[in-house]
């Protein structure tokens, strides 16, 4: 997963562990699969979507920070 950002790589690993597909993430937050992929690769900032993705995948600590 070297073409992903650190956030994207962590998200993908969690998705693989939990058997969550990119289309599931896209549907949950209301964007396209392509947009999710671009966020993971760093070609789109996804400032509004990253916190939603992190929350959905359980990447947020109790302090509200991404882990």
N, C-alpha and C. Protein backbone atom coordinates (compact mmCIF):
# COMPACT_ATOMS: atom_id res chain seq x y z
N UNK A 1 0.83 -1.21 0.00
CA UNK A 1 0.00 0.00 0.00
C UNK A 1 0.86 1.26 0.00
N UNK A 2 1.96 1.20 -0.70
CA UNK A 2 2.90 2.31 -0.70
C UNK A 2 2.35 3.56 -1.39
N UNK A 3 1.32 3.42 -2.24
CA UNK A 3 0.77 4.59 -2.93
C UNK A 3 -0.25 5.34 -2.08
N UNK A 4 -0.51 4.87 -0.87
CA UNK A 4 -1.44 5.55 0.04
C UNK A 4 -0.69 6.44 1.03
N UNK A 5 -1.38 7.45 1.51
CA UNK A 5 -0.84 8.27 2.59
C UNK A 5 -0.86 7.43 3.88
N UNK A 6 -0.29 7.95 4.92
CA UNK A 6 -0.33 7.25 6.20
C UNK A 6 -1.78 7.01 6.64
N UNK A 7 -2.60 8.03 6.51
CA UNK A 7 -4.03 7.90 6.85
C UNK A 7 -4.68 6.83 5.98
N UNK A 8 -4.43 6.88 4.68
CA UNK A 8 -5.03 5.92 3.76
C UNK A 8 -4.61 4.49 4.04
N UNK A 9 -3.33 4.30 4.35
CA UNK A 9 -2.83 2.96 4.64
C UNK A 9 -3.46 2.39 5.91
N UNK A 10 -3.57 3.23 6.94
CA UNK A 10 -4.20 2.78 8.19
C UNK A 10 -5.67 2.44 7.96
N UNK A 11 -6.35 3.30 7.23
CA UNK A 11 -7.77 3.08 6.94
C UNK A 11 -7.96 1.78 6.17
N UNK A 12 -7.13 1.55 5.15
CA UNK A 12 -7.25 0.33 4.35
C UNK A 12 -6.97 -0.92 5.18
N UNK A 13 -6.00 -0.86 6.07
CA UNK A 13 -5.72 -2.03 6.91
C UNK A 13 -6.91 -2.36 7.80
N UNK A 14 -7.52 -1.34 8.39
CA UNK A 14 -8.71 -1.55 9.22
C UNK A 14 -9.85 -2.09 8.37
N UNK A 15 -10.01 -1.53 7.19
CA UNK A 15 -11.08 -1.99 6.30
C UNK A 15 -10.89 -3.46 5.94
N UNK A 16 -9.67 -3.87 5.67
CA UNK A 16 -9.39 -5.28 5.35
C UNK A 16 -9.70 -6.18 6.54
N UNK A 17 -9.29 -5.74 7.73
CA UNK A 17 -9.53 -6.52 8.95
C UNK A 17 -11.02 -6.68 9.23
N UNK A 18 -11.78 -5.63 8.97
CA UNK A 18 -13.22 -5.64 9.28
C UNK A 18 -14.08 -6.01 8.07
N UNK A 19 -13.43 -6.34 6.96
CA UNK A 19 -14.13 -6.69 5.72
C UNK A 19 -15.09 -5.59 5.27
N UNK A 20 -14.61 -4.35 5.31
CA UNK A 20 -15.38 -3.19 4.87
C UNK A 20 -14.84 -2.79 3.49
N UNK A 21 -15.73 -2.63 2.54
CA UNK A 21 -15.36 -2.26 1.18
C UNK A 21 -15.35 -0.73 1.03
N UNK A 22 -14.59 -0.28 0.05
CA UNK A 22 -14.52 1.16 -0.21
C UNK A 22 -15.90 1.71 -0.56
N UNK A 23 -16.70 0.92 -1.26
CA UNK A 23 -18.05 1.39 -1.61
C UNK A 23 -18.91 1.58 -0.36
N UNK A 24 -18.66 0.76 0.69
CA UNK A 24 -19.39 0.92 1.95
C UNK A 24 -19.03 2.25 2.62
N UNK A 25 -17.76 2.57 2.61
CA UNK A 25 -17.30 3.84 3.19
C UNK A 25 -17.88 5.00 2.39
N UNK A 26 -17.81 4.90 1.07
CA UNK A 26 -18.32 5.97 0.20
C UNK A 26 -19.81 6.21 0.44
N UNK A 27 -20.59 5.12 0.50
CA UNK A 27 -22.04 5.25 0.73
C UNK A 27 -22.32 5.86 2.10
N UNK A 28 -21.58 5.45 3.10
CA UNK A 28 -21.80 5.92 4.47
C UNK A 28 -21.62 7.44 4.58
N UNK A 29 -20.60 7.97 3.90
CA UNK A 29 -20.34 9.40 4.05
C UNK A 29 -20.84 10.23 2.86
N UNK A 30 -21.43 9.57 1.86
CA UNK A 30 -22.09 10.29 0.78
C UNK A 30 -21.19 10.84 -0.31
N UNK A 31 -20.12 10.12 -0.63
CA UNK A 31 -19.25 10.52 -1.73
C UNK A 31 -19.00 9.30 -2.62
N UNK A 32 -18.27 9.50 -3.71
CA UNK A 32 -18.00 8.39 -4.63
C UNK A 32 -16.81 7.56 -4.14
N UNK A 33 -16.72 6.35 -4.66
CA UNK A 33 -15.59 5.47 -4.36
C UNK A 33 -14.29 6.12 -4.84
N UNK A 34 -14.36 6.77 -5.99
CA UNK A 34 -13.18 7.46 -6.54
C UNK A 34 -12.69 8.53 -5.58
N UNK A 35 -13.61 9.27 -5.00
CA UNK A 35 -13.25 10.33 -4.05
C UNK A 35 -12.56 9.74 -2.82
N UNK A 36 -13.08 8.63 -2.30
CA UNK A 36 -12.45 7.96 -1.16
C UNK A 36 -11.04 7.53 -1.53
N UNK A 37 -10.89 6.93 -2.69
CA UNK A 37 -9.58 6.49 -3.16
C UNK A 37 -8.60 7.65 -3.26
N UNK A 38 -9.07 8.78 -3.76
CA UNK A 38 -8.21 9.96 -3.89
C UNK A 38 -7.82 10.53 -2.53
N UNK A 39 -8.71 10.45 -1.56
CA UNK A 39 -8.37 10.88 -0.19
C UNK A 39 -7.27 9.97 0.36
N UNK A 40 -7.43 8.67 0.18
CA UNK A 40 -6.44 7.70 0.68
C UNK A 40 -5.07 7.90 0.01
N UNK A 41 -5.07 8.30 -1.26
CA UNK A 41 -3.82 8.49 -1.99
C UNK A 41 -3.21 9.87 -1.77
N UNK A 42 -4.01 10.78 -1.21
CA UNK A 42 -3.51 12.12 -0.94
C UNK A 42 -3.67 13.09 -2.09
N UNK A 43 -4.38 12.68 -3.15
CA UNK A 43 -4.60 13.60 -4.27
C UNK A 43 -5.78 14.53 -4.02
N UNK A 44 -6.57 14.24 -3.01
CA UNK A 44 -7.65 15.13 -2.53
C UNK A 44 -7.44 15.29 -1.03
N UNK A 45 -7.67 16.50 -0.51
CA UNK A 45 -7.44 16.69 0.94
C UNK A 45 -8.48 15.99 1.81
N UNK A 46 -9.73 15.99 1.42
CA UNK A 46 -10.77 15.31 2.18
C UNK A 46 -10.90 15.79 3.61
N UNK A 47 -10.75 17.10 3.81
CA UNK A 47 -10.77 17.66 5.16
C UNK A 47 -12.07 17.36 5.91
N UNK A 48 -13.19 17.39 5.21
CA UNK A 48 -14.48 17.10 5.86
C UNK A 48 -14.71 15.60 5.99
N UNK A 49 -14.19 14.83 5.04
CA UNK A 49 -14.47 13.40 5.00
C UNK A 49 -13.56 12.58 5.91
N UNK A 50 -12.31 12.99 6.09
CA UNK A 50 -11.37 12.20 6.91
C UNK A 50 -11.89 11.93 8.32
N UNK A 51 -12.41 12.94 9.02
CA UNK A 51 -12.95 12.65 10.37
C UNK A 51 -14.11 11.66 10.33
N UNK A 52 -14.94 11.74 9.30
CA UNK A 52 -16.07 10.81 9.16
C UNK A 52 -15.58 9.39 8.91
N UNK A 53 -14.57 9.27 8.05
CA UNK A 53 -13.99 7.96 7.76
C UNK A 53 -13.35 7.40 9.02
N UNK A 54 -12.61 8.23 9.72
CA UNK A 54 -11.92 7.79 10.94
C UNK A 54 -12.92 7.31 11.98
N UNK A 55 -14.00 8.04 12.13
CA UNK A 55 -15.02 7.66 13.11
C UNK A 55 -15.67 6.33 12.71
N UNK A 56 -16.00 6.20 11.44
CA UNK A 56 -16.63 4.97 10.94
C UNK A 56 -15.75 3.75 11.18
N UNK A 57 -14.44 3.93 11.02
CA UNK A 57 -13.51 2.81 11.13
C UNK A 57 -12.93 2.64 12.53
N UNK A 58 -13.31 3.53 13.45
CA UNK A 58 -12.79 3.43 14.81
C UNK A 58 -11.36 3.90 14.94
N UNK A 59 -10.97 4.85 14.13
CA UNK A 59 -9.60 5.37 14.15
C UNK A 59 -9.45 6.56 15.08
N UNK A 60 -10.50 6.93 15.78
CA UNK A 60 -10.47 8.12 16.64
C UNK A 60 -10.33 7.67 18.08
N UNK A 61 -9.36 8.27 18.79
CA UNK A 61 -9.16 7.95 20.20
C UNK A 61 -10.21 8.68 21.04
N UNK A 62 -10.22 8.39 22.34
CA UNK A 62 -11.17 9.06 23.23
C UNK A 62 -10.96 10.57 23.24
N UNK A 63 -9.73 11.00 22.99
CA UNK A 63 -9.44 12.45 22.98
C UNK A 63 -9.87 13.10 21.67
N UNK A 64 -10.39 12.30 20.75
CA UNK A 64 -10.85 12.85 19.48
C UNK A 64 -9.76 13.00 18.44
N UNK A 65 -8.58 12.43 18.70
CA UNK A 65 -7.48 12.53 17.75
C UNK A 65 -7.41 11.27 16.91
N UNK A 66 -6.96 11.43 15.67
CA UNK A 66 -6.78 10.27 14.81
C UNK A 66 -5.64 9.43 15.34
N UNK A 67 -5.82 8.13 15.29
CA UNK A 67 -4.72 7.26 15.70
C UNK A 67 -4.34 6.33 14.58
